[in-house]
């Protein structure tokens, strides 16, 4: 079985509590012979591009849709688990 974990978030050098939880999830799954693929979709923190994406993405984010569809097609998982998917 292959599980794809996708996390959305801001690019940061700091380790967040969410990343600790994801790491724990990955360790547990791998200990139980489950293949895990982890991907992070970075969200721009600031700038004009960030503002436009946040406003436009309030209802639907075409760019994130394409990224997620690409990751699913690339990795062919049996299960996809999302963490903090946002604009």
PDB file of N, CA and C in Angstrom:
ATOM      1  N   UNK A   1       0.846  -1.174   0.000  1.00  0.00           N
ATOM      2  CA  UNK A   1       0.000   0.000   0.000  1.00  0.00           C
ATOM      3  C   UNK A   1       0.889   1.234   0.000  1.00  0.00           C
ATOM      4  N   UNK A   2       0.479   2.247  -0.748  1.00  0.00           N
ATOM      5  CA  UNK A   2       1.211   3.513  -0.824  1.00  0.00           C
ATOM      6  C   UNK A   2       0.295   4.640  -0.357  1.00  0.00           C
ATOM      7  N   UNK A   3       0.808   5.433   0.594  1.00  0.00           N
ATOM      8  CA  UNK A   3       0.086   6.588   1.119  1.00  0.00           C
ATOM      9  C   UNK A   3       0.834   7.850   0.718  1.00  0.00           C
ATOM     10  N   UNK A   4       0.119   8.808   0.161  1.00  0.00           N
ATOM     11  CA  UNK A   4       0.676  10.108  -0.187  1.00  0.00           C
ATOM     12  C   UNK A   4       0.205  11.110   0.854  1.00  0.00           C
ATOM     13  N   UNK A   5       1.149  11.738   1.543  1.00  0.00           N
ATOM     14  CA  UNK A   5       0.822  12.776   2.521  1.00  0.00           C
ATOM     15  C   UNK A   5       1.187  14.113   1.891  1.00  0.00           C
ATOM     16  N   UNK A   6       0.205  15.000   1.798  1.00  0.00           N
ATOM     17  CA  UNK A   6       0.419  16.327   1.224  1.00  0.00           C
ATOM     18  C   UNK A   6       0.158  17.359   2.308  1.00  0.00           C
ATOM     19  N   UNK A   7       1.151  18.231   2.509  1.00  0.00           N
ATOM     20  CA  UNK A   7       1.019  19.294   3.500  1.00  0.00           C
ATOM     21  C   UNK A   7       1.120  20.637   2.795  1.00  0.00           C
ATOM     22  N   UNK A   8       0.222  21.530   3.129  1.00  0.00           N
ATOM     23  CA  UNK A   8       0.308  22.900   2.642  1.00  0.00           C
ATOM     24  C   UNK A   8       0.834  23.769   3.756  1.00  0.00           C
ATOM     25  N   UNK A   9       1.604  24.756   3.409  1.00  0.00           N
ATOM     26  CA  UNK A   9       2.102  25.640   4.454  1.00  0.00           C
ATOM     27  C   UNK A   9       3.145  26.598   3.947  1.00  0.00           C
ATOM     28  N   UNK A  10       3.541  27.466   4.850  1.00  0.00           N
ATOM     29  CA  UNK A  10       4.537  28.469   4.525  1.00  0.00           C
ATOM     30  C   UNK A  10       5.925  27.860   4.616  1.00  0.00           C
ATOM     31  N   UNK A  11       6.787  28.268   3.712  1.00  0.00           N
ATOM     32  CA  UNK A  11       8.166  27.790   3.717  1.00  0.00           C
ATOM     33  C   UNK A  11       8.885  28.407   4.914  1.00  0.00           C
ATOM     34  N   UNK A  12       9.391  27.567   5.784  1.00  0.00           N
ATOM     35  CA  UNK A  12      10.031  28.048   7.003  1.00  0.00           C
ATOM     36  C   UNK A  12      11.169  27.115   7.384  1.00  0.00           C
ATOM     37  N   UNK A  13      12.162  27.681   8.042  1.00  0.00           N
ATOM     38  CA  UNK A  13      13.272  26.865   8.541  1.00  0.00           C
ATOM     39  C   UNK A  13      12.956  26.289   9.912  1.00  0.00           C
ATOM     40  N   UNK A  14      11.850  26.712  10.498  1.00  0.00           N
ATOM     41  CA  UNK A  14      11.463  26.245  11.824  1.00  0.00           C
ATOM     42  C   UNK A  14      10.630  24.971  11.722  1.00  0.00           C
ATOM     43  N   UNK A  15      10.815  24.085  12.675  1.00  0.00           N
ATOM     44  CA  UNK A  15      10.007  22.869  12.731  1.00  0.00           C
ATOM     45  C   UNK A  15       8.736  23.200  13.508  1.00  0.00           C
ATOM     46  N   UNK A  16       7.586  22.907  12.899  1.00  0.00           N
ATOM     47  CA  UNK A  16       6.306  23.185  13.545  1.00  0.00           C
ATOM     48  C   UNK A  16       5.769  21.921  14.218  1.00  0.00           C
ATOM     49  N   UNK A  17       4.797  22.106  15.082  1.00  0.00           N
ATOM     50  CA  UNK A  17       4.154  20.961  15.717  1.00  0.00           C
ATOM     51  C   UNK A  17       3.504  20.054  14.694  1.00  0.00           C
ATOM     52  N   UNK A  18       2.962  20.661  13.651  1.00  0.00           N
ATOM     53  CA  UNK A  18       2.333  19.868  12.594  1.00  0.00           C
ATOM     54  C   UNK A  18       3.355  18.968  11.907  1.00  0.00           C
ATOM     55  N   UNK A  19       4.556  19.492  11.679  1.00  0.00           N
ATOM     56  CA  UNK A  19       5.595  18.679  11.038  1.00  0.00           C
ATOM     57  C   UNK A  19       6.044  17.539  11.943  1.00  0.00           C
ATOM     58  N   UNK A  20       6.019  17.752  13.247  1.00  0.00           N
ATOM     59  CA  UNK A  20       6.348  16.687  14.197  1.00  0.00           C
ATOM     60  C   UNK A  20       5.299  15.580  14.106  1.00  0.00           C
ATOM     61  N   UNK A  21       4.027  15.973  14.036  1.00  0.00           N
ATOM     62  CA  UNK A  21       2.934  15.003  13.920  1.00  0.00           C
ATOM     63  C   UNK A  21       3.055  14.221  12.611  1.00  0.00           C
ATOM     64  N   UNK A  22       3.330  14.921  11.513  1.00  0.00           N
ATOM     65  CA  UNK A  22       3.472  14.251  10.222  1.00  0.00           C
ATOM     66  C   UNK A  22       4.638  13.265  10.268  1.00  0.00           C
ATOM     67  N   UNK A  23       5.750  13.672  10.865  1.00  0.00           N
ATOM     68  CA  UNK A  23       6.900  12.773  10.999  1.00  0.00           C
ATOM     69  C   UNK A  23       6.550  11.533  11.793  1.00  0.00           C
ATOM     70  N   UNK A  24       5.761  11.717  12.853  1.00  0.00           N
ATOM     71  CA  UNK A  24       5.314  10.586  13.671  1.00  0.00           C
ATOM     72  C   UNK A  24       4.401   9.665  12.863  1.00  0.00           C
ATOM     73  N   UNK A  25       3.493  10.259  12.088  1.00  0.00           N
ATOM     74  CA  UNK A  25       2.605   9.465  11.223  1.00  0.00           C
ATOM     75  C   UNK A  25       3.414   8.636  10.233  1.00  0.00           C
ATOM     76  N   UNK A  26       4.413   9.279   9.607  1.00  0.00           N
ATOM     77  CA  UNK A  26       5.237   8.593   8.614  1.00  0.00           C
ATOM     78  C   UNK A  26       5.988   7.427   9.257  1.00  0.00           C
ATOM     79  N   UNK A  27       6.584   7.664  10.427  1.00  0.00           N
ATOM     80  CA  UNK A  27       7.309   6.596  11.121  1.00  0.00           C
ATOM     81  C   UNK A  27       6.397   5.420  11.442  1.00  0.00           C
ATOM     82  N   UNK A  28       5.201   5.710  11.939  1.00  0.00           N
ATOM     83  CA  UNK A  28       4.255   4.642  12.284  1.00  0.00           C
ATOM     84  C   UNK A  28       3.875   3.825  11.049  1.00  0.00           C
ATOM     85  N   UNK A  29       3.539   4.517   9.973  1.00  0.00           N
ATOM     86  CA  UNK A  29       3.127   3.813   8.757  1.00  0.00           C
ATOM     87  C   UNK A  29       4.259   2.963   8.192  1.00  0.00           C
ATOM     88  N   UNK A  30       5.462   3.529   8.157  1.00  0.00           N
ATOM     89  CA  UNK A  30       6.596   2.779   7.606  1.00  0.00           C
ATOM     90  C   UNK A  30       6.949   1.575   8.471  1.00  0.00           C
ATOM     91  N   UNK A  31       6.780   1.687   9.780  1.00  0.00           N
ATOM     92  CA  UNK A  31       7.027   0.543  10.663  1.00  0.00           C
ATOM     93  C   UNK A  31       6.039  -0.594  10.402  1.00  0.00           C
ATOM     94  N   UNK A  32       4.908  -0.238   9.811  1.00  0.00           N
ATOM     95  CA  UNK A  32       3.885  -1.234   9.489  1.00  0.00           C
ATOM     96  C   UNK A  32       3.882  -1.573   7.997  1.00  0.00           C
ATOM     97  N   UNK A  33       5.053  -1.459   7.383  1.00  0.00           N
ATOM     98  CA  UNK A  33       5.285  -1.841   5.987  1.00  0.00           C
ATOM     99  C   UNK A  33       4.385  -1.108   4.981  1.00  0.00           C
ATOM    100  N   UNK A  34       4.075   0.140   5.253  1.00  0.00           N
ATOM    101  CA  UNK A  34       3.302   0.957   4.322  1.00  0.00           C
ATOM    102  C   UNK A  34       4.251   1.973   3.702  1.00  0.00           C
ATOM    103  N   UNK A  35       4.264   2.028   2.379  1.00  0.00           N
ATOM    104  CA  UNK A  35       5.114   2.993   1.677  1.00  0.00           C
ATOM    105  C   UNK A  35       4.491   4.380   1.806  1.00  0.00           C
ATOM    106  N   UNK A  36       5.298   5.356   2.180  1.00  0.00           N
ATOM    107  CA  UNK A  36       4.806   6.720   2.388  1.00  0.00           C
ATOM    108  C   UNK A  36       5.584   7.680   1.501  1.00  0.00           C
ATOM    109  N   UNK A  37       4.842   8.541   0.809  1.00  0.00           N
ATOM    110  CA  UNK A  37       5.436   9.619   0.032  1.00  0.00           C
ATOM    111  C   UNK A  37       4.942  10.917   0.654  1.00  0.00           C
ATOM    112  N   UNK A  38       5.886  11.810   1.000  1.00  0.00           N
ATOM    113  CA  UNK A  38       5.536  13.087   1.630  1.00  0.00           C
ATOM    114  C   UNK A  38       5.870  14.224   0.676  1.00  0.00           C
ATOM    115  N   UNK A  39       4.901  15.090   0.460  1.00  0.00           N
ATOM    116  CA  UNK A  39       5.094  16.254  -0.405  1.00  0.00           C
ATOM    117  C   UNK A  39       4.550  17.485   0.315  1.00  0.00           C
ATOM    118  N   UNK A  40       5.244  18.610   0.150  1.00  0.00           N
ATOM    119  CA  UNK A  40       4.791  19.866   0.751  1.00  0.00           C
ATOM    120  C   UNK A  40       4.538  20.884  -0.355  1.00  0.00           C
ATOM    121  N   UNK A  41       3.370  21.509  -0.298  1.00  0.00           N
ATOM    122  CA  UNK A  41       3.032  22.583  -1.225  1.00  0.00           C
ATOM    123  C   UNK A  41       3.264  23.883  -0.476  1.00  0.00           C
ATOM    124  N   UNK A  42       4.286  24.631  -0.893  1.00  0.00           N
ATOM    125  CA  UNK A  42       4.617  25.883  -0.218  1.00  0.00           C
ATOM    126  C   UNK A  42       3.698  27.008  -0.662  1.00  0.00           C
ATOM    127  N   UNK A  43       3.318  27.814   0.307  1.00  0.00           N
ATOM    128  CA  UNK A  43       2.444  28.952   0.077  1.00  0.00           C
ATOM    129  C   UNK A  43       3.273  30.215   0.292  1.00  0.00           C
ATOM    130  N   UNK A  44       3.288  31.150  -0.678  1.00  0.00           N
ATOM    131  CA  UNK A  44       4.063  32.373  -0.478  1.00  0.00           C
ATOM    132  C   UNK A  44       3.531  33.167   0.710  1.00  0.00           C
ATOM    133  N   UNK A  45       4.445  33.683   1.537  1.00  0.00           N
ATOM    134  CA  UNK A  45       4.066  34.430   2.735  1.00  0.00           C
ATOM    135  C   UNK A  45       3.624  35.851   2.433  1.00  0.00           C
ATOM    136  N   UNK A  46       4.317  36.497   1.523  1.00  0.00           N
ATOM    137  CA  UNK A  46       4.035  37.912   1.315  1.00  0.00           C
ATOM    138  C   UNK A  46       4.244  38.274  -0.147  1.00  0.00           C
ATOM    139  N   UNK A  47       3.960  39.518  -0.443  1.00  0.00           N
ATOM    140  CA  UNK A  47       4.127  40.007  -1.805  1.00  0.00           C
ATOM    141  C   UNK A  47       2.803  40.021  -2.556  1.00  0.00           C
ATOM    142  N   UNK A  48       2.822  40.663  -3.678  1.00  0.00           N
ATOM    143  CA  UNK A  48       1.625  40.832  -4.500  1.00  0.00           C
ATOM    144  C   UNK A  48       1.050  39.482  -4.927  1.00  0.00           C
ATOM    145  N   UNK A  49       1.914  38.570  -5.324  1.00  0.00           N
ATOM    146  CA  UNK A  49       1.471  37.253  -5.771  1.00  0.00           C
ATOM    147  C   UNK A  49       0.716  36.530  -4.654  1.00  0.00           C
ATOM    148  N   UNK A  50       1.205  36.657  -3.446  1.00  0.00           N
ATOM    149  CA  UNK A  50       0.556  36.027  -2.293  1.00  0.00           C
ATOM    150  C   UNK A  50      -0.845  36.595  -2.067  1.00  0.00           C
ATOM    151  N   UNK A  51      -0.965  37.909  -2.149  1.00  0.00           N
ATOM    152  CA  UNK A  51      -2.264  38.562  -1.928  1.00  0.00           C
ATOM    153  C   UNK A  51      -3.269  38.132  -2.986  1.00  0.00           C
ATOM    154  N   UNK A  52      -2.852  38.135  -4.247  1.00  0.00           N
ATOM    155  CA  UNK A  52      -3.747  37.746  -5.346  1.00  0.00           C
ATOM    156  C   UNK A  52      -4.188  36.294  -5.183  1.00  0.00           C
ATOM    157  N   UNK A  53      -3.248  35.409  -4.832  1.00  0.00           N
ATOM    158  CA  UNK A  53      -3.601  33.991  -4.651  1.00  0.00           C
ATOM    159  C   UNK A  53      -4.572  33.809  -3.486  1.00  0.00           C
ATOM    160  N   UNK A  54      -4.370  34.541  -2.407  1.00  0.00           N
ATOM    161  CA  UNK A  54      -5.254  34.402  -1.252  1.00  0.00           C
ATOM    162  C   UNK A  54      -6.667  34.864  -1.581  1.00  0.00           C
ATOM    163  N   UNK A  55      -6.789  35.981  -2.268  1.00  0.00           N
ATOM    164  CA  UNK A  55      -8.120  36.484  -2.628  1.00  0.00           C
ATOM    165  C   UNK A  55      -8.777  35.538  -3.637  1.00  0.00           C
ATOM    166  N   UNK A  56      -8.044  35.170  -4.673  1.00  0.00           N
ATOM    167  CA  UNK A  56      -8.591  34.288  -5.708  1.00  0.00           C
ATOM    168  C   UNK A  56      -8.845  32.880  -5.213  1.00  0.00           C
ATOM    169  N   UNK A  57      -8.099  32.461  -4.202  1.00  0.00           N
ATOM    170  CA  UNK A  57      -8.224  31.095  -3.716  1.00  0.00           C
ATOM    171  C   UNK A  57      -9.250  30.919  -2.618  1.00  0.00           C
ATOM    172  N   UNK A  58     -10.009  31.967  -2.313  1.00  0.00           N
ATOM    173  CA  UNK A  58     -11.021  31.841  -1.263  1.00  0.00           C
ATOM    174  C   UNK A  58     -12.065  30.788  -1.596  1.00  0.00           C
ATOM    175  N   UNK A  59     -12.356  30.633  -2.874  1.00  0.00           N
ATOM    176  CA  UNK A  59     -13.338  29.628  -3.269  1.00  0.00           C
ATOM    177  C   UNK A  59     -12.693  28.411  -3.913  1.00  0.00           C
ATOM    178  N   UNK A  60     -11.613  28.626  -4.674  1.00  0.00           N
ATOM    179  CA  UNK A  60     -10.972  27.506  -5.369  1.00  0.00           C
ATOM    180  C   UNK A  60      -9.582  27.930  -5.818  1.00  0.00           C
ATOM    181  N   UNK A  61      -8.623  27.087  -5.642  1.00  0.00           N
ATOM    182  CA  UNK A  61      -7.256  27.370  -6.080  1.00  0.00           C
ATOM    183  C   UNK A  61      -6.908  26.436  -7.230  1.00  0.00           C
ATOM    184  N   UNK A  62      -6.920  26.984  -8.442  1.00  0.00           N
ATOM    185  CA  UNK A  62      -6.591  26.177  -9.614  1.00  0.00           C
ATOM    186  C   UNK A  62      -5.136  25.709  -9.576  1.00  0.00           C
ATOM    187  N   UNK A  63      -4.239  26.567  -9.088  1.00  0.00           N
ATOM    188  CA  UNK A  63      -2.828  26.169  -9.060  1.00  0.00           C
ATOM    189  C   UNK A  63      -2.615  25.003  -8.087  1.00  0.00           C
ATOM    190  N   UNK A  64      -3.250  25.050  -6.914  1.00  0.00           N
ATOM    191  CA  UNK A  64      -3.098  23.944  -5.965  1.00  0.00           C
ATOM    192  C   UNK A  64      -3.812  22.691  -6.457  1.00  0.00           C
ATOM    193  N   UNK A  65      -4.930  22.859  -7.133  1.00  0.00           N
ATOM    194  CA  UNK A  65      -5.624  21.714  -7.730  1.00  0.00           C
ATOM    195  C   UNK A  65      -4.692  20.996  -8.704  1.00  0.00           C
ATOM    196  N   UNK A  66      -4.024  21.777  -9.566  1.00  0.00           N
ATOM    197  CA  UNK A  66      -3.105  21.179 -10.546  1.00  0.00           C
ATOM    198  C   UNK A  66      -1.928  20.494  -9.847  1.00  0.00           C
ATOM    199  N   UNK A  67      -1.410  21.124  -8.782  1.00  0.00           N
ATOM    200  CA  UNK A  67      -0.293  20.523  -8.044  1.00  0.00           C
ATOM    201  C   UNK A  67      -0.705  19.190  -7.421  1.00  0.00           C
ATOM    202  N   UNK A  68      -1.871  19.165  -6.789  1.00  0.00           N
ATOM    203  CA  UNK A  68      -2.351  17.937  -6.143  1.00  0.00           C
ATOM    204  C   UNK A  68      -2.631  16.866  -7.186  1.00  0.00           C
ATOM    205  N   UNK A  69      -3.278  17.226  -8.277  1.00  0.00           N
ATOM    206  CA  UNK A  69      -3.559  16.254  -9.348  1.00  0.00           C
ATOM    207  C   UNK A  69      -2.254  15.684  -9.906  1.00  0.00           C
ATOM    208  N   UNK A  70      -1.252  16.533 -10.078  1.00  0.00           N
ATOM    209  CA  UNK A  70       0.043  16.072 -10.583  1.00  0.00           C
ATOM    210  C   UNK A  70       0.695  15.087  -9.605  1.00  0.00           C
ATOM    211  N   UNK A  71       0.659  15.407  -8.307  1.00  0.00           N
ATOM    212  CA  UNK A  71       1.263  14.531  -7.309  1.00  0.00           C
ATOM    213  C   UNK A  71       0.562  13.175  -7.268  1.00  0.00           C
ATOM    214  N   UNK A  72      -0.767  13.178  -7.386  1.00  0.00           N
ATOM    215  CA  UNK A  72      -1.513  11.916  -7.390  1.00  0.00           C
ATOM    216  C   UNK A  72      -1.168  11.098  -8.628  1.00  0.00           C
ATOM    217  N   UNK A  73      -1.108  11.746  -9.782  1.00  0.00           N
ATOM    218  CA  UNK A  73      -0.749  11.038 -11.014  1.00  0.00           C
ATOM    219  C   UNK A  73       0.686  10.535 -10.977  1.00  0.00           C
ATOM    220  N   UNK A  74       1.577  11.297 -10.371  1.00  0.00           N
ATOM    221  CA  UNK A  74       2.988  10.921 -10.306  1.00  0.00           C
ATOM    222  C   UNK A  74       3.226   9.735  -9.375  1.00  0.00           C
ATOM    223  N   UNK A  75       2.617   9.758  -8.194  1.00  0.00           N
ATOM    224  CA  UNK A  75       2.908   8.747  -7.174  1.00  0.00           C
ATOM    225  C   UNK A  75       1.925   7.571  -7.153  1.00  0.00           C
ATOM    226  N   UNK A  76       0.761   7.724  -7.764  1.00  0.00           N
ATOM    227  CA  UNK A  76      -0.250   6.654  -7.838  1.00  0.00           C
ATOM    228  C   UNK A  76      -0.534   6.023  -6.460  1.00  0.00           C
ATOM    229  N   UNK A  77      -0.939   6.849  -5.472  1.00  0.00           N
ATOM    230  CA  UNK A  77      -1.173   6.301  -4.131  1.00  0.00           C
ATOM    231  C   UNK A  77      -2.496   5.556  -4.029  1.00  0.00           C
ATOM    232  N   UNK A  78      -2.583   4.694  -3.011  1.00  0.00           N
ATOM    233  CA  UNK A  78      -3.855   4.056  -2.674  1.00  0.00           C
ATOM    234  C   UNK A  78      -4.687   4.970  -1.792  1.00  0.00           C
ATOM    235  N   UNK A  79      -4.014   5.862  -1.076  1.00  0.00           N
ATOM    236  CA  UNK A  79      -4.674   6.757  -0.129  1.00  0.00           C
ATOM    237  C   UNK A  79      -3.919   8.083  -0.095  1.00  0.00           C
ATOM    238  N   UNK A  80      -4.660   9.196  -0.050  1.00  0.00           N
ATOM    239  CA  UNK A  80      -4.053  10.520   0.075  1.00  0.00           C
ATOM    240  C   UNK A  80      -4.509  11.118   1.401  1.00  0.00           C
ATOM    241  N   UNK A  81      -3.538  11.629   2.158  1.00  0.00           N
ATOM    242  CA  UNK A  81      -3.825  12.249   3.453  1.00  0.00           C
ATOM    243  C   UNK A  81      -3.345  13.695   3.384  1.00  0.00           C
ATOM    244  N   UNK A  82      -4.248  14.636   3.656  1.00  0.00           N
ATOM    245  CA  UNK A  82      -3.919  16.062   3.566  1.00  0.00           C
ATOM    246  C   UNK A  82      -3.716  16.667   4.950  1.00  0.00           C
ATOM    247  N   UNK A  83      -2.738  17.571   5.028  1.00  0.00           N
ATOM    248  CA  UNK A  83      -2.497  18.375   6.234  1.00  0.00           C
ATOM    249  C   UNK A  83      -2.472  19.830   5.822  1.00  0.00           C
ATOM    250  N   UNK A  84      -3.331  20.638   6.404  1.00  0.00           N
ATOM    251  CA  UNK A  84      -3.318  22.096   6.226  1.00  0.00           C
ATOM    252  C   UNK A  84      -3.293  22.554   4.770  1.00  0.00           C
ATOM    253  N   UNK A  85      -4.182  22.029   3.988  1.00  0.00           N
ATOM    254  CA  UNK A  85      -4.271  22.505   2.611  1.00  0.00           C
ATOM    255  C   UNK A  85      -5.085  23.791   2.635  1.00  0.00           C
ATOM    256  N   UNK A  86      -4.442  24.858   2.243  1.00  0.00           N
ATOM    257  CA  UNK A  86      -5.106  26.163   2.227  1.00  0.00           C
ATOM    258  C   UNK A  86      -4.609  26.945   1.036  1.00  0.00           C
ATOM    259  N   UNK A  87      -4.985  28.182   0.980  1.00  0.00           N
ATOM    260  CA  UNK A  87      -4.710  29.048  -0.158  1.00  0.00           C
ATOM    261  C   UNK A  87      -3.237  29.153  -0.433  1.00  0.00           C
TER     262      UNK A  87
END
